[in-house]
PDB file of N, CA and C in Angstrom:
ATOM      1  N   UNK A   1      35.071 -18.508   2.936  1.00  0.00           N
ATOM      2  CA  UNK A   1      34.748 -17.107   3.097  1.00  0.00           C
ATOM      3  C   UNK A   1      35.255 -16.290   1.910  1.00  0.00           C
ATOM      4  N   UNK A   2      36.392 -16.653   1.380  1.00  0.00           N
ATOM      5  CA  UNK A   2      36.975 -15.932   0.259  1.00  0.00           C
ATOM      6  C   UNK A   2      36.100 -16.060  -0.986  1.00  0.00           C
ATOM      7  N   UNK A   3      35.533 -17.252  -1.204  1.00  0.00           N
ATOM      8  CA  UNK A   3      34.657 -17.448  -2.361  1.00  0.00           C
ATOM      9  C   UNK A   3      33.405 -16.581  -2.239  1.00  0.00           C
ATOM     10  N   UNK A   4      32.895 -16.489  -1.027  1.00  0.00           N
ATOM     11  CA  UNK A   4      31.718 -15.682  -0.787  1.00  0.00           C
ATOM     12  C   UNK A   4      32.001 -14.208  -1.083  1.00  0.00           C
ATOM     13  N   UNK A   5      33.139 -13.688  -0.628  1.00  0.00           N
ATOM     14  CA  UNK A   5      33.492 -12.297  -0.882  1.00  0.00           C
ATOM     15  C   UNK A   5      33.702 -12.058  -2.374  1.00  0.00           C
ATOM     16  N   UNK A   6      34.302 -13.005  -3.058  1.00  0.00           N
ATOM     17  CA  UNK A   6      34.474 -12.882  -4.501  1.00  0.00           C
ATOM     18  C   UNK A   6      33.108 -12.844  -5.199  1.00  0.00           C
ATOM     19  N   UNK A   7      32.228 -13.715  -4.751  1.00  0.00           N
ATOM     20  CA  UNK A   7      30.884 -13.754  -5.327  1.00  0.00           C
ATOM     21  C   UNK A   7      30.162 -12.427  -5.101  1.00  0.00           C
ATOM     22  N   UNK A   8      30.205 -11.917  -3.878  1.00  0.00           N
ATOM     23  CA  UNK A   8      29.527 -10.656  -3.561  1.00  0.00           C
ATOM     24  C   UNK A   8      30.141  -9.499  -4.349  1.00  0.00           C
ATOM     25  N   UNK A   9      31.446  -9.498  -4.492  1.00  0.00           N
ATOM     26  CA  UNK A   9      32.110  -8.458  -5.284  1.00  0.00           C
ATOM     27  C   UNK A   9      31.675  -8.528  -6.736  1.00  0.00           C
ATOM     28  N   UNK A  10      31.613  -9.714  -7.294  1.00  0.00           N
ATOM     29  CA  UNK A  10      31.166  -9.890  -8.669  1.00  0.00           C
ATOM     30  C   UNK A  10      29.713  -9.492  -8.837  1.00  0.00           C
ATOM     31  N   UNK A  11      28.902  -9.844  -7.866  1.00  0.00           N
ATOM     32  CA  UNK A  11      27.488  -9.472  -7.904  1.00  0.00           C
ATOM     33  C   UNK A  11      27.326  -7.953  -7.893  1.00  0.00           C
ATOM     34  N   UNK A  12      28.073  -7.292  -7.042  1.00  0.00           N
ATOM     35  CA  UNK A  12      28.020  -5.835  -6.950  1.00  0.00           C
ATOM     36  C   UNK A  12      28.483  -5.195  -8.256  1.00  0.00           C
ATOM     37  N   UNK A  13      29.607  -5.656  -8.789  1.00  0.00           N
ATOM     38  CA  UNK A  13      30.120  -5.101 -10.041  1.00  0.00           C
ATOM     39  C   UNK A  13      29.141  -5.348 -11.192  1.00  0.00           C
ATOM     40  N   UNK A  14      28.532  -6.506 -11.233  1.00  0.00           N
ATOM     41  CA  UNK A  14      27.558  -6.821 -12.269  1.00  0.00           C
ATOM     42  C   UNK A  14      26.326  -5.933 -12.175  1.00  0.00           C
ATOM     43  N   UNK A  15      25.872  -5.697 -10.959  1.00  0.00           N
ATOM     44  CA  UNK A  15      24.708  -4.823 -10.757  1.00  0.00           C
ATOM     45  C   UNK A  15      25.033  -3.394 -11.184  1.00  0.00           C
ATOM     46  N   UNK A  16      26.217  -2.943 -10.846  1.00  0.00           N
ATOM     47  CA  UNK A  16      26.617  -1.587 -11.234  1.00  0.00           C
ATOM     48  C   UNK A  16      26.746  -1.472 -12.757  1.00  0.00           C
ATOM     49  N   UNK A  17      27.318  -2.479 -13.384  1.00  0.00           N
ATOM     50  CA  UNK A  17      27.460  -2.465 -14.839  1.00  0.00           C
ATOM     51  C   UNK A  17      26.090  -2.493 -15.502  1.00  0.00           C
ATOM     52  N   UNK A  18      25.170  -3.274 -14.968  1.00  0.00           N
ATOM     53  CA  UNK A  18      23.816  -3.330 -15.513  1.00  0.00           C
ATOM     54  C   UNK A  18      23.092  -2.005 -15.368  1.00  0.00           C
ATOM     55  N   UNK A  19      23.236  -1.356 -14.221  1.00  0.00           N
ATOM     56  CA  UNK A  19      22.598  -0.056 -14.008  1.00  0.00           C
ATOM     57  C   UNK A  19      23.174   0.989 -14.957  1.00  0.00           C
ATOM     58  N   UNK A  20      24.481   0.981 -15.123  1.00  0.00           N
ATOM     59  CA  UNK A  20      25.122   1.922 -16.036  1.00  0.00           C
ATOM     60  C   UNK A  20      24.679   1.680 -17.472  1.00  0.00           C
ATOM     61  N   UNK A  21      24.616   0.418 -17.873  1.00  0.00           N
ATOM     62  CA  UNK A  21      24.176   0.092 -19.234  1.00  0.00           C
ATOM     63  C   UNK A  21      22.727   0.531 -19.440  1.00  0.00           C
ATOM     64  N   UNK A  22      21.896   0.341 -18.445  1.00  0.00           N
ATOM     65  CA  UNK A  22      20.500   0.770 -18.545  1.00  0.00           C
ATOM     66  C   UNK A  22      20.379   2.268 -18.721  1.00  0.00           C
ATOM     67  N   UNK A  23      21.197   3.012 -17.997  1.00  0.00           N
ATOM     68  CA  UNK A  23      21.165   4.469 -18.132  1.00  0.00           C
ATOM     69  C   UNK A  23      21.650   4.922 -19.502  1.00  0.00           C
ATOM     70  N   UNK A  24      22.651   4.253 -20.016  1.00  0.00           N
ATOM     71  CA  UNK A  24      23.211   4.648 -21.310  1.00  0.00           C
ATOM     72  C   UNK A  24      22.322   4.247 -22.482  1.00  0.00           C
ATOM     73  N   UNK A  25      21.600   3.161 -22.331  1.00  0.00           N
ATOM     74  CA  UNK A  25      20.797   2.621 -23.431  1.00  0.00           C
ATOM     75  C   UNK A  25      19.360   3.144 -23.402  1.00  0.00           C
ATOM     76  N   UNK A  26      18.944   3.713 -22.285  1.00  0.00           N
ATOM     77  CA  UNK A  26      17.563   4.183 -22.150  1.00  0.00           C
ATOM     78  C   UNK A  26      17.194   5.107 -23.308  1.00  0.00           C
ATOM     79  N   UNK A  27      16.035   4.853 -23.924  1.00  0.00           N
ATOM     80  CA  UNK A  27      15.654   5.627 -25.100  1.00  0.00           C
ATOM     81  C   UNK A  27      15.200   7.060 -24.789  1.00  0.00           C
ATOM     82  N   UNK A  28      14.811   7.322 -23.549  1.00  0.00           N
ATOM     83  CA  UNK A  28      14.271   8.628 -23.184  1.00  0.00           C
ATOM     84  C   UNK A  28      14.800   9.025 -21.815  1.00  0.00           C
ATOM     85  N   UNK A  29      14.746  10.302 -21.500  1.00  0.00           N
ATOM     86  CA  UNK A  29      15.125  10.739 -20.155  1.00  0.00           C
ATOM     87  C   UNK A  29      14.193  10.132 -19.102  1.00  0.00           C
ATOM     88  N   UNK A  30      14.693   9.977 -17.906  1.00  0.00           N
ATOM     89  CA  UNK A  30      13.950   9.333 -16.831  1.00  0.00           C
ATOM     90  C   UNK A  30      12.603   9.956 -16.532  1.00  0.00           C
ATOM     91  N   UNK A  31      12.564  11.287 -16.444  1.00  0.00           N
ATOM     92  CA  UNK A  31      11.291  11.959 -16.129  1.00  0.00           C
ATOM     93  C   UNK A  31      10.243  11.687 -17.199  1.00  0.00           C
ATOM     94  N   UNK A  32      10.643  11.786 -18.448  1.00  0.00           N
ATOM     95  CA  UNK A  32       9.708  11.556 -19.554  1.00  0.00           C
ATOM     96  C   UNK A  32       9.247  10.103 -19.565  1.00  0.00           C
ATOM     97  N   UNK A  33      10.169   9.189 -19.339  1.00  0.00           N
ATOM     98  CA  UNK A  33       9.827   7.767 -19.324  1.00  0.00           C
ATOM     99  C   UNK A  33       8.852   7.453 -18.196  1.00  0.00           C
ATOM    100  N   UNK A  34       9.088   8.031 -17.011  1.00  0.00           N
ATOM    101  CA  UNK A  34       8.181   7.803 -15.879  1.00  0.00           C
ATOM    102  C   UNK A  34       6.789   8.360 -16.165  1.00  0.00           C
ATOM    103  N   UNK A  35       6.730   9.540 -16.778  1.00  0.00           N
ATOM    104  CA  UNK A  35       5.426  10.136 -17.101  1.00  0.00           C
ATOM    105  C   UNK A  35       4.670   9.263 -18.095  1.00  0.00           C
ATOM    106  N   UNK A  36       5.373   8.771 -19.108  1.00  0.00           N
ATOM    107  CA  UNK A  36       4.715   7.922 -20.108  1.00  0.00           C
ATOM    108  C   UNK A  36       4.261   6.605 -19.503  1.00  0.00           C
ATOM    109  N   UNK A  37       5.082   6.025 -18.637  1.00  0.00           N
ATOM    110  CA  UNK A  37       4.676   4.783 -17.974  1.00  0.00           C
ATOM    111  C   UNK A  37       3.469   5.014 -17.082  1.00  0.00           C
ATOM    112  N   UNK A  38       3.459   6.132 -16.353  1.00  0.00           N
ATOM    113  CA  UNK A  38       2.321   6.435 -15.491  1.00  0.00           C
ATOM    114  C   UNK A  38       1.058   6.627 -16.312  1.00  0.00           C
ATOM    115  N   UNK A  39       1.170   7.277 -17.479  1.00  0.00           N
ATOM    116  CA  UNK A  39       0.016   7.467 -18.351  1.00  0.00           C
ATOM    117  C   UNK A  39      -0.504   6.124 -18.851  1.00  0.00           C
ATOM    118  N   UNK A  40       0.408   5.227 -19.220  1.00  0.00           N
ATOM    119  CA  UNK A  40       0.003   3.891 -19.667  1.00  0.00           C
ATOM    120  C   UNK A  40      -0.709   3.141 -18.550  1.00  0.00           C
ATOM    121  N   UNK A  41      -0.181   3.232 -17.338  1.00  0.00           N
ATOM    122  CA  UNK A  41      -0.809   2.568 -16.193  1.00  0.00           C
ATOM    123  C   UNK A  41      -2.193   3.138 -15.943  1.00  0.00           C
ATOM    124  N   UNK A  42      -2.311   4.474 -16.005  1.00  0.00           N
ATOM    125  CA  UNK A  42      -3.621   5.112 -15.808  1.00  0.00           C
ATOM    126  C   UNK A  42      -4.616   4.665 -16.875  1.00  0.00           C
ATOM    127  N   UNK A  43      -4.167   4.579 -18.122  1.00  0.00           N
ATOM    128  CA  UNK A  43      -5.047   4.134 -19.205  1.00  0.00           C
ATOM    129  C   UNK A  43      -5.518   2.697 -18.980  1.00  0.00           C
ATOM    130  N   UNK A  44      -4.609   1.841 -18.563  1.00  0.00           N
ATOM    131  CA  UNK A  44      -4.958   0.437 -18.304  1.00  0.00           C
ATOM    132  C   UNK A  44      -5.969   0.352 -17.153  1.00  0.00           C
ATOM    133  N   UNK A  45      -5.727   1.128 -16.098  1.00  0.00           N
ATOM    134  CA  UNK A  45      -6.658   1.118 -14.966  1.00  0.00           C
ATOM    135  C   UNK A  45      -8.031   1.656 -15.364  1.00  0.00           C
ATOM    136  N   UNK A  46      -8.057   2.691 -16.182  1.00  0.00           N
ATOM    137  CA  UNK A  46      -9.346   3.216 -16.665  1.00  0.00           C
ATOM    138  C   UNK A  46     -10.092   2.168 -17.480  1.00  0.00           C
ATOM    139  N   UNK A  47      -9.376   1.479 -18.356  1.00  0.00           N
ATOM    140  CA  UNK A  47     -10.001   0.421 -19.154  1.00  0.00           C
ATOM    141  C   UNK A  47     -10.543  -0.690 -18.260  1.00  0.00           C
ATOM    142  N   UNK A  48      -9.774  -1.047 -17.228  1.00  0.00           N
ATOM    143  CA  UNK A  48     -10.215  -2.097 -16.305  1.00  0.00           C
ATOM    144  C   UNK A  48     -11.459  -1.656 -15.539  1.00  0.00           C
ATOM    145  N   UNK A  49     -11.496  -0.387 -15.131  1.00  0.00           N
ATOM    146  CA  UNK A  49     -12.682   0.118 -14.411  1.00  0.00           C
ATOM    147  C   UNK A  49     -13.913   0.089 -15.308  1.00  0.00           C
ATOM    148  N   UNK A  50     -13.739   0.512 -16.554  1.00  0.00           N
ATOM    149  CA  UNK A  50     -14.871   0.506 -17.489  1.00  0.00           C
ATOM    150  C   UNK A  50     -15.362  -0.918 -17.744  1.00  0.00           C
ATOM    151  N   UNK A  51     -14.428  -1.851 -17.921  1.00  0.00           N
ATOM    152  CA  UNK A  51     -14.814  -3.243 -18.144  1.00  0.00           C
ATOM    153  C   UNK A  51     -15.515  -3.807 -16.911  1.00  0.00           C
ATOM    154  N   UNK A  52     -15.032  -3.427 -15.736  1.00  0.00           N
ATOM    155  CA  UNK A  52     -15.647  -3.888 -14.496  1.00  0.00           C
ATOM    156  C   UNK A  52     -17.077  -3.365 -14.362  1.00  0.00           C
ATOM    157  N   UNK A  53     -17.286  -2.089 -14.689  1.00  0.00           N
ATOM    158  CA  UNK A  53     -18.634  -1.517 -14.624  1.00  0.00           C
ATOM    159  C   UNK A  53     -19.569  -2.204 -15.610  1.00  0.00           C
ATOM    160  N   UNK A  54     -19.079  -2.436 -16.816  1.00  0.00           N
ATOM    161  CA  UNK A  54     -19.906  -3.091 -17.834  1.00  0.00           C
ATOM    162  C   UNK A  54     -20.270  -4.505 -17.397  1.00  0.00           C
ATOM    163  N   UNK A  55     -19.319  -5.214 -16.836  1.00  0.00           N
ATOM    164  CA  UNK A  55     -19.579  -6.592 -16.388  1.00  0.00           C
ATOM    165  C   UNK A  55     -20.556  -6.591 -15.222  1.00  0.00           C
ATOM    166  N   UNK A  56     -20.435  -5.602 -14.333  1.00  0.00           N
ATOM    167  CA  UNK A  56     -21.366  -5.518 -13.198  1.00  0.00           C
ATOM    168  C   UNK A  56     -22.797  -5.307 -13.686  1.00  0.00           C
ATOM    169  N   UNK A  57     -22.974  -4.402 -14.644  1.00  0.00           N
ATOM    170  CA  UNK A  57     -24.306  -4.153 -15.204  1.00  0.00           C
ATOM    171  C   UNK A  57     -24.843  -5.428 -15.839  1.00  0.00           C
ATOM    172  N   UNK A  58     -24.001  -6.103 -16.593  1.00  0.00           N
ATOM    173  CA  UNK A  58     -24.420  -7.353 -17.242  1.00  0.00           C
ATOM    174  C   UNK A  58     -24.833  -8.400 -16.209  1.00  0.00           C
ATOM    175  N   UNK A  59     -24.052  -8.533 -15.142  1.00  0.00           N
ATOM    176  CA  UNK A  59     -24.366  -9.526 -14.115  1.00  0.00           C
ATOM    177  C   UNK A  59     -25.633  -9.161 -13.347  1.00  0.00           C
ATOM    178  N   UNK A  60     -25.829  -7.854 -13.107  1.00  0.00           N
ATOM    179  CA  UNK A  60     -27.050  -7.425 -12.431  1.00  0.00           C
ATOM    180  C   UNK A  60     -28.275  -7.715 -13.291  1.00  0.00           C
ATOM    181  N   UNK A  61     -28.154  -7.527 -14.598  1.00  0.00           N
ATOM    182  CA  UNK A  61     -29.254  -7.839 -15.504  1.00  0.00           C
ATOM    183  C   UNK A  61     -29.523  -9.340 -15.512  1.00  0.00           C
ATOM    184  N   UNK A  62     -28.476 -10.145 -15.526  1.00  0.00           N
ATOM    185  CA  UNK A  62     -28.643 -11.602 -15.488  1.00  0.00           C
ATOM    186  C   UNK A  62     -29.319 -12.031 -14.191  1.00  0.00           C
ATOM    187  N   UNK A  63     -28.894 -11.454 -13.086  1.00  0.00           N
ATOM    188  CA  UNK A  63     -29.487 -11.787 -11.792  1.00  0.00           C
ATOM    189  C   UNK A  63     -30.960 -11.396 -11.760  1.00  0.00           C
ATOM    190  N   UNK A  64     -31.260 -10.233 -12.276  1.00  0.00           N
ATOM    191  CA  UNK A  64     -32.637  -9.765 -12.311  1.00  0.00           C
ATOM    192  C   UNK A  64     -33.487 -10.709 -13.164  1.00  0.00           C
ATOM    193  N   UNK A  65     -32.933 -11.124 -14.292  1.00  0.00           N
ATOM    194  CA  UNK A  65     -33.654 -12.044 -15.181  1.00  0.00           C
ATOM    195  C   UNK A  65     -33.873 -13.387 -14.491  1.00  0.00           C
ATOM    196  N   UNK A  66     -32.862 -13.879 -13.772  1.00  0.00           N
ATOM    197  CA  UNK A  66     -32.999 -15.151 -13.080  1.00  0.00           C
ATOM    198  C   UNK A  66     -34.023 -15.074 -11.937  1.00  0.00           C
ATOM    199  N   UNK A  67     -34.113 -13.933 -11.289  1.00  0.00           N
ATOM    200  CA  UNK A  67     -35.092 -13.764 -10.218  1.00  0.00           C
ATOM    201  C   UNK A  67     -36.493 -13.587 -10.777  1.00  0.00           C
ATOM    202  N   UNK A  68     -36.595 -13.252 -12.028  1.00  0.00           N
ATOM    203  CA  UNK A  68     -37.891 -13.033 -12.635  1.00  0.00           C
ATOM    204  C   UNK A  68     -38.415 -11.642 -12.403  1.00  0.00           C
ATOM    205  N   UNK A  69     -37.514 -10.688 -12.158  1.00  0.00           N
ATOM    206  CA  UNK A  69     -37.900  -9.313 -11.885  1.00  0.00           C
ATOM    207  C   UNK A  69     -38.361  -8.586 -13.145  1.00  0.00           C
ATOM    208  N   UNK A  70     -38.034  -9.097 -14.299  1.00  0.00           N
ATOM    209  CA  UNK A  70     -38.357  -8.384 -15.546  1.00  0.00           C
ATOM    210  C   UNK A  70     -39.790  -8.611 -15.954  1.00  0.00           C
TER     211      UNK A  70
END
């Protein structure tokens, strides 16, 4: 039981030290960093939607060609 408590104490201290180091080393304030990350995510999702639409059009054209609709 003592080893387990020592392990948990070390784990807690390590997590706290890591969180503190992250806050001190962060290149930008939290709000600004979150906004920039959200913008990057939105841009990636927009690109994925556009690629999905383009692929759908391409597949619909292929299907139409295979059916002989053209």
